[in-house]
Amino acid sequence: MFNWLAIVKASLLRKEVLLIWAGLTPILVIAGPFGTYDKSILIQSALFWGLVIGLSILFVTMLRVLAAQIVPGRSEARRVAFVTGGMFLLMTPIVIALDASIFGVRPEVPRIVMSVALVSAALGALRLFLHRTGAIPATVMILSEEASVPAPVPPPPVAAPRLLARLACGDAHILALSARSHYVTVRTNHGPETVLLRFSDALEELEGLDGLRIHRSHWVARAAVRHADMGPQKATVRLTDGTVLPVSRTYRDSVEAAGFPPAP
């Protein structure tokens, strides 16, 4: 399940994000945009801009993670528009409320609305420009999709089953095994091959290959099953190569539990 809260928390605790918050806040306190230079003392201005920058980083992170999940396609422009619009809708009432509560004066709502809109649009345009020119690498904090959503950890390499060493084509993908007297028919994507081997030994040489027994004499790889026909009298599975194999009563429950697609 996609745990977006965990991803947001991990993004916010990145060293780069904390440095941006700690560095940008005093700069805005000194510069005093939005008229804060004229109507505040240092403590009020620091409180105001600390909250505004902190909440902006929080909302940008949340919106970027959310955009990566719900905005269709791979269009960065759509995601930037989503984040920009979301920031305007979220931050405008917050800035108005903070301006009134911290500075104790009636806020100039039209100017605040215009200022938040311009800042949101400018940052969105800058983000899109930097993305298209390739100036932002994949590791840049929360403003890149790669940083917002951690890259999946690749699975460890899986050793090839020993059974492949007995086949003429050693790089084949095993689809199924079928026992026949003292021989085993190994069905692969290159066709069937017969080897002199006990069925139990052949199963051991699969070495963890994902599959299941469907019959005393048949084993199939999960990925090789196209669909299962679990009729009341007769049950079979059809493989990707077109082979149809029977399912015995003993293994019927395990085949049904595997969740293979039903026969059309």
Foldseek 3Di string as FASTA:
>chain_A
DDDLVVLLVVLCPDPVNVCCLVPVLVVCLVVVPPVNVPQDDSVLSSVLSSVLSVVLSSLLLSLLQVCVPPPDDDDPLVSLVSSLVSQLVPRLVVSQVSCCPSRVDHHPSVSSSVVSNVVSVVVSVVLVVCVVVVVDDLCPGRSHSCSSDPDDDDDDDDDAQPLLVQDPDSVWAWFKWFDDPQWIWTQTPVGIDIDRHHPVVSVVSRPPQAWQDQDPGMIGHPVQWQAWADDPVWIWTAGPVGDIDGGDPVCSVVVVVSPGHHDD
